[in-house]
Amino acid sequence: RKLGISPEEAIMVGDSRLDILCGKNAGCKTALVGWSVAFPPETATGEA
């Protein structure tokens, strides 16, 4: 809303499961950073 754009026009980049779910739940594309210690890429499966 602050940016004045729709969810489909944004990508959420984060390091945690909560970041990815927040982006997904908002309707955005999502990207996990591979240097995450909170949500290592090899565990990034399922709904997140």
All heavy atoms as atom14 arrays in JSON, in Angstrom:
{
  "sequence": "RKLGISPEEAIMVGDSRLDILCGKNAGCKTALVGWSVAFPPETATGEA",
  "atom14_mask": [
    [1, 1, 1, 1, 1, 1, 1, 1, 1, 1, 1, 0, 0, 0],
    [1, 1, 1, 1, 1, 1, 1, 1, 1, 0, 0, 0, 0, 0],
    [1, 1, 1, 1, 1, 1, 1, 1, 0, 0, 0, 0, 0, 0],
    [1, 1, 1, 1, 0, 0, 0, 0, 0, 0, 0, 0, 0, 0],
    [1, 1, 1, 1, 1, 1, 1, 1, 0, 0, 0, 0, 0, 0],
    [1, 1, 1, 1, 1, 1, 0, 0, 0, 0, 0, 0, 0, 0],
    [1, 1, 1, 1, 1, 1, 1, 0, 0, 0, 0, 0, 0, 0],
    [1, 1, 1, 1, 1, 1, 1, 1, 1, 0, 0, 0, 0, 0],
    [1, 1, 1, 1, 1, 1, 1, 1, 1, 0, 0, 0, 0, 0],
    [1, 1, 1, 1, 1, 0, 0, 0, 0, 0, 0, 0, 0, 0],
    [1, 1, 1, 1, 1, 1, 1, 1, 0, 0, 0, 0, 0, 0],
    [1, 1, 1, 1, 1, 1, 1, 1, 0, 0, 0, 0, 0, 0],
    [1, 1, 1, 1, 1, 1, 1, 0, 0, 0, 0, 0, 0, 0],
    [1, 1, 1, 1, 0, 0, 0, 0, 0, 0, 0, 0, 0, 0],
    [1, 1, 1, 1, 1, 1, 1, 1, 0, 0, 0, 0, 0, 0],
    [1, 1, 1, 1, 1, 1, 0, 0, 0, 0, 0, 0, 0, 0],
    [1, 1, 1, 1, 1, 1, 1, 1, 1, 1, 1, 0, 0, 0],
    [1, 1, 1, 1, 1, 1, 1, 1, 0, 0, 0, 0, 0, 0],
    [1, 1, 1, 1, 1, 1, 1, 1, 0, 0, 0, 0, 0, 0],
    [1, 1, 1, 1, 1, 1, 1, 1, 0, 0, 0, 0, 0, 0],
    [1, 1, 1, 1, 1, 1, 1, 1, 0, 0, 0, 0, 0, 0],
    [1, 1, 1, 1, 1, 1, 0, 0, 0, 0, 0, 0, 0, 0],
    [1, 1, 1, 1, 0, 0, 0, 0, 0, 0, 0, 0, 0, 0],
    [1, 1, 1, 1, 1, 1, 1, 1, 1, 0, 0, 0, 0, 0],
    [1, 1, 1, 1, 1, 1, 1, 1, 0, 0, 0, 0, 0, 0],
    [1, 1, 1, 1, 1, 0, 0, 0, 0, 0, 0, 0, 0, 0],
    [1, 1, 1, 1, 0, 0, 0, 0, 0, 0, 0, 0, 0, 0],
    [1, 1, 1, 1, 1, 1, 0, 0, 0, 0, 0, 0, 0, 0],
    [1, 1, 1, 1, 1, 1, 1, 1, 1, 0, 0, 0, 0, 0],
    [1, 1, 1, 1, 1, 1, 1, 0, 0, 0, 0, 0, 0, 0],
    [1, 1, 1, 1, 1, 0, 0, 0, 0, 0, 0, 0, 0, 0],
    [1, 1, 1, 1, 1, 1, 1, 1, 0, 0, 0, 0, 0, 0],
    [1, 1, 1, 1, 1, 1, 1, 0, 0, 0, 0, 0, 0, 0],
    [1, 1, 1, 1, 0, 0, 0, 0, 0, 0, 0, 0, 0, 0],
    [1, 1, 1, 1, 1, 1, 1, 1, 1, 1, 1, 1, 1, 1],
    [1, 1, 1, 1, 1, 1, 0, 0, 0, 0, 0, 0, 0, 0],
    [1, 1, 1, 1, 1, 1, 1, 0, 0, 0, 0, 0, 0, 0],
    [1, 1, 1, 1, 1, 0, 0, 0, 0, 0, 0, 0, 0, 0],
    [1, 1, 1, 1, 1, 1, 1, 1, 1, 1, 1, 0, 0, 0],
    [1, 1, 1, 1, 1, 1, 1, 0, 0, 0, 0, 0, 0, 0],
    [1, 1, 1, 1, 1, 1, 1, 0, 0, 0, 0, 0, 0, 0],
    [1, 1, 1, 1, 1, 1, 1, 1, 1, 0, 0, 0, 0, 0],
    [1, 1, 1, 1, 1, 1, 1, 0, 0, 0, 0, 0, 0, 0],
    [1, 1, 1, 1, 1, 0, 0, 0, 0, 0, 0, 0, 0, 0],
    [1, 1, 1, 1, 1, 1, 1, 0, 0, 0, 0, 0, 0, 0],
    [1, 1, 1, 1, 0, 0, 0, 0, 0, 0, 0, 0, 0, 0],
    [1, 1, 1, 1, 1, 1, 1, 1, 1, 0, 0, 0, 0, 0],
    [1, 1, 1, 1, 1, 0, 0, 0, 0, 0, 0, 0, 0, 0]
  ],
  "atom14_positions": [
    [[0.83, -1.21, 0.0], [0.0, 0.0, 0.0], [0.87, 1.25, 0.0], [0.55, 2.24, -0.69], [-0.94, -0.01, 1.21], [-2.07, -1.01, 1.11], [-3.17, -0.71, 2.1], [-2.75, -0.91, 3.48], [-2.87, -2.07, 4.12], [-3.38, -3.13, 3.5], [-2.49, -2.17, 5.39], [0.0, 0.0, 0.0], [0.0, 0.0, 0.0], [0.0, 0.0, 0.0]],
    [[1.94, 1.23, 0.78], [2.83, 2.38, 0.81], [3.48, 2.62, -0.56], [3.72, 3.77, -0.95], [3.93, 2.17, 1.86], [3.44, 2.27, 3.3], [4.6, 2.16, 4.28], [4.14, 2.36, 5.71], [5.25, 2.38, 6.68], [0.0, 0.0, 0.0], [0.0, 0.0, 0.0], [0.0, 0.0, 0.0], [0.0, 0.0, 0.0], [0.0, 0.0, 0.0]],
    [[3.75, 1.54, -1.28], [4.4, 1.65, -2.58], [3.4, 1.89, -3.71], [3.8, 2.29, -4.81], [5.19, 0.37, -2.88], [6.35, 0.06, -1.94], [6.96, -1.3, -2.27], [7.42, 1.15, -2.0], [0.0, 0.0, 0.0], [0.0, 0.0, 0.0], [0.0, 0.0, 0.0], [0.0, 0.0, 0.0], [0.0, 0.0, 0.0], [0.0, 0.0, 0.0]],
    [[2.13, 1.6, -3.45], [1.09, 1.8, -4.46], [1.11, 0.78, -5.57], [0.81, 1.12, -6.73], [0.0, 0.0, 0.0], [0.0, 0.0, 0.0], [0.0, 0.0, 0.0], [0.0, 0.0, 0.0], [0.0, 0.0, 0.0], [0.0, 0.0, 0.0], [0.0, 0.0, 0.0], [0.0, 0.0, 0.0], [0.0, 0.0, 0.0], [0.0, 0.0, 0.0]],
    [[1.42, -0.47, -5.22], [1.45, -1.52, -6.23], [0.67, -2.73, -5.76], [0.3, -2.83, -4.59], [2.9, -1.95, -6.57], [3.59, -2.52, -5.32], [3.69, -0.79, -7.14], [4.92, -3.15, -5.62], [0.0, 0.0, 0.0], [0.0, 0.0, 0.0], [0.0, 0.0, 0.0], [0.0, 0.0, 0.0], [0.0, 0.0, 0.0], [0.0, 0.0, 0.0]],
    [[0.44, -3.67, -6.67], [-0.31, -4.88, -6.35], [0.65, -5.99, -5.92], [1.85, -5.94, -6.22], [-1.11, -5.34, -7.57], [-0.22, -5.74, -8.61], [0.0, 0.0, 0.0], [0.0, 0.0, 0.0], [0.0, 0.0, 0.0], [0.0, 0.0, 0.0], [0.0, 0.0, 0.0], [0.0, 0.0, 0.0], [0.0, 0.0, 0.0], [0.0, 0.0, 0.0]],
    [[0.15, -7.01, -5.23], [1.02, -8.12, -4.81], [1.75, -8.78, -5.95], [2.91, -9.21, -5.8], [0.05, -9.08, -4.12], [-1.07, -8.22, -3.64], [-1.22, -7.16, -4.69], [0.0, 0.0, 0.0], [0.0, 0.0, 0.0], [0.0, 0.0, 0.0], [0.0, 0.0, 0.0], [0.0, 0.0, 0.0], [0.0, 0.0, 0.0], [0.0, 0.0, 0.0]],
    [[1.1, -8.89, -7.11], [1.71, -9.58, -8.25], [2.91, -8.81, -8.81], [3.69, -9.36, -9.6], [0.68, -9.76, -9.37], [-0.48, -10.65, -9.01], [-1.54, -9.94, -8.16], [-1.49, -8.69, -8.07], [-2.4, -10.63, -7.58], [0.0, 0.0, 0.0], [0.0, 0.0, 0.0], [0.0, 0.0, 0.0], [0.0, 0.0, 0.0], [0.0, 0.0, 0.0]],
    [[3.06, -7.57, -8.38], [4.15, -6.74, -8.88], [5.34, -6.68, -7.91], [6.24, -5.87, -8.09], [3.65, -5.33, -9.14], [2.6, -5.26, -10.23], [1.98, -3.88, -10.37], [1.61, -3.28, -9.33], [1.86, -3.41, -11.52], [0.0, 0.0, 0.0], [0.0, 0.0, 0.0], [0.0, 0.0, 0.0], [0.0, 0.0, 0.0], [0.0, 0.0, 0.0]],
    [[5.33, -7.57, -6.9], [6.38, -7.52, -5.89], [6.94, -8.9, -5.6], [6.27, -9.92, -5.78], [5.85, -6.9, -4.6], [0.0, 0.0, 0.0], [0.0, 0.0, 0.0], [0.0, 0.0, 0.0], [0.0, 0.0, 0.0], [0.0, 0.0, 0.0], [0.0, 0.0, 0.0], [0.0, 0.0, 0.0], [0.0, 0.0, 0.0], [0.0, 0.0, 0.0]],
    [[8.17, -8.92, -5.13], [8.8, -10.14, -4.66], [9.31, -9.89, -3.25], [9.91, -8.85, -2.97], [9.95, -10.59, -5.59], [10.52, -11.94, -5.11], [11.03, -9.54, -5.73], [11.45, -12.59, -6.13], [0.0, 0.0, 0.0], [0.0, 0.0, 0.0], [0.0, 0.0, 0.0], [0.0, 0.0, 0.0], [0.0, 0.0, 0.0], [0.0, 0.0, 0.0]],
    [[9.03, -10.82, -2.34], [9.49, -10.74, -0.96], [10.75, -11.58, -0.82], [10.75, -12.78, -1.14], [8.41, -11.24, -0.01], [8.82, -11.32, 1.45], [9.15, -9.69, 2.17], [9.87, -10.14, 3.75], [0.0, 0.0, 0.0], [0.0, 0.0, 0.0], [0.0, 0.0, 0.0], [0.0, 0.0, 0.0], [0.0, 0.0, 0.0], [0.0, 0.0, 0.0]],
    [[11.82, -10.98, -0.31], [13.1, -11.66, -0.15], [13.4, -11.76, 1.35], [13.42, -10.75, 2.05], [14.23, -10.88, -0.85], [15.56, -11.63, -0.71], [13.9, -10.65, -2.32], [0.0, 0.0, 0.0], [0.0, 0.0, 0.0], [0.0, 0.0, 0.0], [0.0, 0.0, 0.0], [0.0, 0.0, 0.0], [0.0, 0.0, 0.0], [0.0, 0.0, 0.0]],
    [[13.61, -12.98, 1.84], [13.85, -13.15, 3.27], [14.68, -14.37, 3.59], [15.05, -15.14, 2.7], [0.0, 0.0, 0.0], [0.0, 0.0, 0.0], [0.0, 0.0, 0.0], [0.0, 0.0, 0.0], [0.0, 0.0, 0.0], [0.0, 0.0, 0.0], [0.0, 0.0, 0.0], [0.0, 0.0, 0.0], [0.0, 0.0, 0.0], [0.0, 0.0, 0.0]],
    [[14.94, -14.53, 4.89], [15.78, -15.64, 5.35], [15.04, -16.6, 6.26], [15.64, -17.56, 6.75], [17.0, -15.11, 6.09], [16.65, -14.57, 7.47], [15.75, -13.71, 7.56], [17.27, -15.01, 8.46], [0.0, 0.0, 0.0], [0.0, 0.0, 0.0], [0.0, 0.0, 0.0], [0.0, 0.0, 0.0], [0.0, 0.0, 0.0], [0.0, 0.0, 0.0]],
    [[13.76, -16.35, 6.52], [13.03, -17.21, 7.45], [11.76, -17.76, 6.82], [11.25, -17.21, 5.83], [12.66, -16.44, 8.73], [11.56, -15.57, 8.49], [0.0, 0.0, 0.0], [0.0, 0.0, 0.0], [0.0, 0.0, 0.0], [0.0, 0.0, 0.0], [0.0, 0.0, 0.0], [0.0, 0.0, 0.0], [0.0, 0.0, 0.0], [0.0, 0.0, 0.0]],
    [[11.29, -18.82, 7.41], [10.02, -19.41, 7.0], [8.89, -18.38, 7.1], [8.01, -18.33, 6.24], [9.73, -20.62, 7.88], [8.47, -21.39, 7.55], [8.37, -22.63, 8.43], [7.18, -23.41, 8.14], [5.99, -23.18, 8.67], [5.84, -22.2, 9.55], [4.94, -23.92, 8.34], [0.0, 0.0, 0.0], [0.0, 0.0, 0.0], [0.0, 0.0, 0.0]],
    [[8.95, -17.55, 8.13], [7.92, -16.54, 8.32], [7.94, -15.51, 7.2], [6.88, -15.05, 6.77], [8.12, -15.84, 9.68], [8.05, -16.72, 10.92], [8.22, -15.88, 12.18], [6.74, -17.5, 10.98], [0.0, 0.0, 0.0], [0.0, 0.0, 0.0], [0.0, 0.0, 0.0], [0.0, 0.0, 0.0], [0.0, 0.0, 0.0], [0.0, 0.0, 0.0]],
    [[9.13, -15.14, 6.73], [9.23, -14.19, 5.62], [8.56, -14.75, 4.37], [7.8, -14.05, 3.68], [10.7, -13.9, 5.29], [11.43, -13.19, 6.4], [10.81, -12.4, 7.12], [12.64, -13.45, 6.55], [0.0, 0.0, 0.0], [0.0, 0.0, 0.0], [0.0, 0.0, 0.0], [0.0, 0.0, 0.0], [0.0, 0.0, 0.0], [0.0, 0.0, 0.0]],
    [[8.89, -16.0, 4.07], [8.36, -16.6, 2.84], [6.84, -16.75, 2.92], [6.12, -16.43, 1.97], [9.03, -17.98, 2.59], [10.55, -17.81, 2.46], [8.44, -18.63, 1.34], [11.0, -16.82, 1.4], [0.0, 0.0, 0.0], [0.0, 0.0, 0.0], [0.0, 0.0, 0.0], [0.0, 0.0, 0.0], [0.0, 0.0, 0.0], [0.0, 0.0, 0.0]],
    [[6.34, -17.2, 4.07], [4.9, -17.35, 4.21], [4.19, -16.0, 4.18], [3.1, -15.88, 3.61], [4.58, -18.07, 5.52], [4.87, -19.57, 5.53], [4.69, -20.14, 6.93], [3.99, -20.31, 4.53], [0.0, 0.0, 0.0], [0.0, 0.0, 0.0], [0.0, 0.0, 0.0], [0.0, 0.0, 0.0], [0.0, 0.0, 0.0], [0.0, 0.0, 0.0]],
    [[4.8, -14.98, 4.75], [4.21, -13.65, 4.7], [4.06, -13.19, 3.25], [3.0, -12.69, 2.86], [5.09, -12.67, 5.48], [4.5, -10.97, 5.51], [0.0, 0.0, 0.0], [0.0, 0.0, 0.0], [0.0, 0.0, 0.0], [0.0, 0.0, 0.0], [0.0, 0.0, 0.0], [0.0, 0.0, 0.0], [0.0, 0.0, 0.0], [0.0, 0.0, 0.0]],
    [[5.12, -13.37, 2.47], [5.05, -12.99, 1.06], [4.02, -13.8, 0.3], [3.23, -13.26, -0.48], [0.0, 0.0, 0.0], [0.0, 0.0, 0.0], [0.0, 0.0, 0.0], [0.0, 0.0, 0.0], [0.0, 0.0, 0.0], [0.0, 0.0, 0.0], [0.0, 0.0, 0.0], [0.0, 0.0, 0.0], [0.0, 0.0, 0.0], [0.0, 0.0, 0.0]],
    [[4.02, -15.11, 0.52], [3.07, -15.97, -0.17], [1.63, -15.61, 0.2], [0.74, -15.53, -0.67], [3.35, -17.43, 0.18], [4.51, -18.07, -0.56], [4.69, -19.51, -0.12], [5.65, -20.24, -1.04], [5.08, -20.52, -2.36], [0.0, 0.0, 0.0], [0.0, 0.0, 0.0], [0.0, 0.0, 0.0], [0.0, 0.0, 0.0], [0.0, 0.0, 0.0]],
    [[1.4, -15.41, 1.49], [0.05, -15.1, 1.94], [-0.45, -13.76, 1.42], [-1.66, -13.55, 1.29], [0.0, -15.11, 3.47], [0.15, -16.51, 4.05], [-0.19, -17.5, 3.4], [0.66, -16.61, 5.27], [0.0, 0.0, 0.0], [0.0, 0.0, 0.0], [0.0, 0.0, 0.0], [0.0, 0.0, 0.0], [0.0, 0.0, 0.0], [0.0, 0.0, 0.0]],
    [[0.49, -12.88, 1.11], [0.12, -11.58, 0.54], [-0.08, -11.65, -0.97], [-0.58, -10.69, -1.57], [1.2, -10.55, 0.87], [0.0, 0.0, 0.0], [0.0, 0.0, 0.0], [0.0, 0.0, 0.0], [0.0, 0.0, 0.0], [0.0, 0.0, 0.0], [0.0, 0.0, 0.0], [0.0, 0.0, 0.0], [0.0, 0.0, 0.0], [0.0, 0.0, 0.0]],
    [[0.33, -12.76, -1.59], [0.2, -12.9, -3.03], [1.41, -12.46, -3.82], [1.32, -12.28, -5.04], [0.0, 0.0, 0.0], [0.0, 0.0, 0.0], [0.0, 0.0, 0.0], [0.0, 0.0, 0.0], [0.0, 0.0, 0.0], [0.0, 0.0, 0.0], [0.0, 0.0, 0.0], [0.0, 0.0, 0.0], [0.0, 0.0, 0.0], [0.0, 0.0, 0.0]],
    [[2.54, -12.3, -3.13], [3.78, -11.89, -3.79], [4.59, -13.11, -4.22], [4.43, -14.2, -3.69], [4.65, -11.05, -2.85], [3.87, -9.56, -2.21], [0.0, 0.0, 0.0], [0.0, 0.0, 0.0], [0.0, 0.0, 0.0], [0.0, 0.0, 0.0], [0.0, 0.0, 0.0], [0.0, 0.0, 0.0], [0.0, 0.0, 0.0], [0.0, 0.0, 0.0]],
    [[5.5, -12.9, -5.16], [6.53, -13.89, -5.41], [7.48, -13.88, -4.21], [7.56, -12.91, -3.46], [7.31, -13.55, -6.68], [6.52, -13.78, -7.96], [6.26, -15.25, -8.17], [5.6, -15.51, -9.52], [5.29, -16.95, -9.69], [0.0, 0.0, 0.0], [0.0, 0.0, 0.0], [0.0, 0.0, 0.0], [0.0, 0.0, 0.0], [0.0, 0.0, 0.0]],
    [[8.23, -14.95, -4.04], [9.11, -15.04, -2.88], [10.48, -15.58, -3.27], [10.61, -16.37, -4.21], [8.52, -15.97, -1.8], [8.28, -17.26, -2.36], [7.22, -15.4, -1.24], [0.0, 0.0, 0.0], [0.0, 0.0, 0.0], [0.0, 0.0, 0.0], [0.0, 0.0, 0.0], [0.0, 0.0, 0.0], [0.0, 0.0, 0.0], [0.0, 0.0, 0.0]],
    [[11.49, -15.12, -2.53], [12.86, -15.62, -2.72], [13.51, -15.79, -1.36], [13.48, -14.88, -0.52], [13.68, -14.66, -3.58], [0.0, 0.0, 0.0], [0.0, 0.0, 0.0], [0.0, 0.0, 0.0], [0.0, 0.0, 0.0], [0.0, 0.0, 0.0], [0.0, 0.0, 0.0], [0.0, 0.0, 0.0], [0.0, 0.0, 0.0], [0.0, 0.0, 0.0]],
    [[14.08, -16.96, -1.14], [14.82, -17.26, 0.07], [16.3, -17.02, -0.18], [16.82, -17.44, -1.23], [14.6, -18.71, 0.49], [15.41, -19.23, 1.68], [14.95, -18.58, 2.98], [15.3, -20.75, 1.77], [0.0, 0.0, 0.0], [0.0, 0.0, 0.0], [0.0, 0.0, 0.0], [0.0, 0.0, 0.0], [0.0, 0.0, 0.0], [0.0, 0.0, 0.0]],
    [[16.99, -16.38, 0.76], [18.43, -16.2, 0.59], [19.16, -17.46, 1.03], [18.86, -18.04, 2.08], [18.94, -14.97, 1.38], [18.35, -13.69, 0.79], [18.64, -15.07, 2.87], [0.0, 0.0, 0.0], [0.0, 0.0, 0.0], [0.0, 0.0, 0.0], [0.0, 0.0, 0.0], [0.0, 0.0, 0.0], [0.0, 0.0, 0.0], [0.0, 0.0, 0.0]],
    [[20.1, -17.89, 0.23], [20.79, -19.14, 0.49], [21.73, -19.1, 1.67], [22.2, -20.15, 2.11], [0.0, 0.0, 0.0], [0.0, 0.0, 0.0], [0.0, 0.0, 0.0], [0.0, 0.0, 0.0], [0.0, 0.0, 0.0], [0.0, 0.0, 0.0], [0.0, 0.0, 0.0], [0.0, 0.0, 0.0], [0.0, 0.0, 0.0], [0.0, 0.0, 0.0]],
    [[22.0, -17.89, 2.2], [22.86, -17.77, 3.38], [22.05, -17.81, 4.68], [22.57, -17.55, 5.76], [23.67, -16.48, 3.3], [22.9, -15.23, 3.02], [22.29, -14.39, 3.93], [22.65, -14.65, 1.73], [21.69, -13.33, 3.31], [21.91, -13.46, 1.94], [23.0, -15.01, 0.43], [21.5, -12.64, 0.89], [22.58, -14.2, -0.61], [21.84, -13.04, -0.38]],
    [[20.78, -18.17, 4.6], [19.93, -18.22, 5.78], [20.39, -19.3, 6.77], [20.69, -20.42, 6.38], [18.48, -18.52, 5.38], [17.68, -18.8, 6.5], [0.0, 0.0, 0.0], [0.0, 0.0, 0.0], [0.0, 0.0, 0.0], [0.0, 0.0, 0.0], [0.0, 0.0, 0.0], [0.0, 0.0, 0.0], [0.0, 0.0, 0.0], [0.0, 0.0, 0.0]],
    [[20.4, -18.94, 8.06], [20.59, -19.95, 9.11], [19.25, -20.29, 9.76], [19.13, -21.31, 10.43], [21.59, -19.47, 10.19], [22.94, -19.17, 9.57], [21.07, -18.26, 10.95], [0.0, 0.0, 0.0], [0.0, 0.0, 0.0], [0.0, 0.0, 0.0], [0.0, 0.0, 0.0], [0.0, 0.0, 0.0], [0.0, 0.0, 0.0], [0.0, 0.0, 0.0]],
    [[18.26, -19.43, 9.58], [16.95, -19.65, 10.18], [16.12, -20.66, 9.39], [15.31, -21.4, 9.96], [16.18, -18.33, 10.28], [0.0, 0.0, 0.0], [0.0, 0.0, 0.0], [0.0, 0.0, 0.0], [0.0, 0.0, 0.0], [0.0, 0.0, 0.0], [0.0, 0.0, 0.0], [0.0, 0.0, 0.0], [0.0, 0.0, 0.0], [0.0, 0.0, 0.0]],
    [[16.34, -20.71, 8.08], [15.53, -21.56, 7.19], [16.44, -22.03, 6.06], [16.33, -21.58, 4.92], [14.36, -20.73, 6.66], [13.29, -21.52, 5.96], [12.9, -22.79, 6.38], [12.6, -20.96, 4.89], [11.89, -23.49, 5.74], [11.58, -21.64, 4.25], [11.23, -22.91, 4.68], [0.0, 0.0, 0.0], [0.0, 0.0, 0.0], [0.0, 0.0, 0.0]],
    [[17.39, -22.94, 6.37], [18.35, -23.39, 5.35], [17.64, -23.9, 4.1], [16.57, -24.51, 4.2], [19.09, -24.51, 6.07], [18.96, -24.2, 7.52], [17.59, -23.6, 7.67], [0.0, 0.0, 0.0], [0.0, 0.0, 0.0], [0.0, 0.0, 0.0], [0.0, 0.0, 0.0], [0.0, 0.0, 0.0], [0.0, 0.0, 0.0], [0.0, 0.0, 0.0]],
    [[18.2, -23.61, 2.94], [17.53, -23.97, 1.68], [17.12, -25.44, 1.59], [16.06, -25.74, 1.02], [18.59, -23.63, 0.62], [19.36, -22.51, 1.23], [19.43, -22.83, 2.69], [0.0, 0.0, 0.0], [0.0, 0.0, 0.0], [0.0, 0.0, 0.0], [0.0, 0.0, 0.0], [0.0, 0.0, 0.0], [0.0, 0.0, 0.0], [0.0, 0.0, 0.0]],
    [[17.92, -26.34, 2.16], [17.57, -27.76, 2.05], [16.33, -28.12, 2.86], [15.74, -29.19, 2.66], [18.76, -28.63, 2.5], [19.18, -28.46, 3.94], [20.21, -27.37, 4.14], [20.37, -26.51, 3.24], [20.86, -27.38, 5.2], [0.0, 0.0, 0.0], [0.0, 0.0, 0.0], [0.0, 0.0, 0.0], [0.0, 0.0, 0.0], [0.0, 0.0, 0.0]],
    [[15.9, -27.23, 3.76], [14.69, -27.48, 4.54], [13.48, -26.74, 4.0], [12.38, -26.86, 4.55], [14.9, -27.06, 6.01], [14.99, -25.63, 6.1], [16.16, -27.7, 6.59], [0.0, 0.0, 0.0], [0.0, 0.0, 0.0], [0.0, 0.0, 0.0], [0.0, 0.0, 0.0], [0.0, 0.0, 0.0], [0.0, 0.0, 0.0], [0.0, 0.0, 0.0]],
    [[13.68, -25.95, 2.95], [12.63, -25.08, 2.43], [11.67, -25.84, 1.52], [11.7, -25.73, 0.29], [13.24, -23.9, 1.68], [0.0, 0.0, 0.0], [0.0, 0.0, 0.0], [0.0, 0.0, 0.0], [0.0, 0.0, 0.0], [0.0, 0.0, 0.0], [0.0, 0.0, 0.0], [0.0, 0.0, 0.0], [0.0, 0.0, 0.0], [0.0, 0.0, 0.0]],
    [[10.82, -26.63, 2.15], [9.85, -27.43, 1.41], [8.45, -27.18, 1.97], [8.27, -26.43, 2.93], [10.19, -28.93, 1.52], [10.19, -29.3, 2.91], [11.56, -29.22, 0.92], [0.0, 0.0, 0.0], [0.0, 0.0, 0.0], [0.0, 0.0, 0.0], [0.0, 0.0, 0.0], [0.0, 0.0, 0.0], [0.0, 0.0, 0.0], [0.0, 0.0, 0.0]],
    [[7.48, -27.83, 1.38], [6.12, -27.72, 1.9], [5.49, -26.37, 1.63], [5.81, -25.7, 0.63], [0.0, 0.0, 0.0], [0.0, 0.0, 0.0], [0.0, 0.0, 0.0], [0.0, 0.0, 0.0], [0.0, 0.0, 0.0], [0.0, 0.0, 0.0], [0.0, 0.0, 0.0], [0.0, 0.0, 0.0], [0.0, 0.0, 0.0], [0.0, 0.0, 0.0]],
    [[4.61, -25.95, 2.52], [3.85, -24.72, 2.29], [4.75, -23.49, 2.24], [4.37, -22.47, 1.66], [2.79, -24.54, 3.38], [3.36, -24.33, 4.77], [2.3, -24.0, 5.8], [1.14, -23.78, 5.4], [2.62, -23.97, 7.0], [0.0, 0.0, 0.0], [0.0, 0.0, 0.0], [0.0, 0.0, 0.0], [0.0, 0.0, 0.0], [0.0, 0.0, 0.0]],
    [[5.92, -23.56, 2.85], [6.82, -22.41, 2.87], [7.88, -22.48, 1.77], [8.84, -21.72, 1.79], [7.49, -22.29, 4.23], [0.0, 0.0, 0.0], [0.0, 0.0, 0.0], [0.0, 0.0, 0.0], [0.0, 0.0, 0.0], [0.0, 0.0, 0.0], [0.0, 0.0, 0.0], [0.0, 0.0, 0.0], [0.0, 0.0, 0.0], [0.0, 0.0, 0.0]]
  ]
}
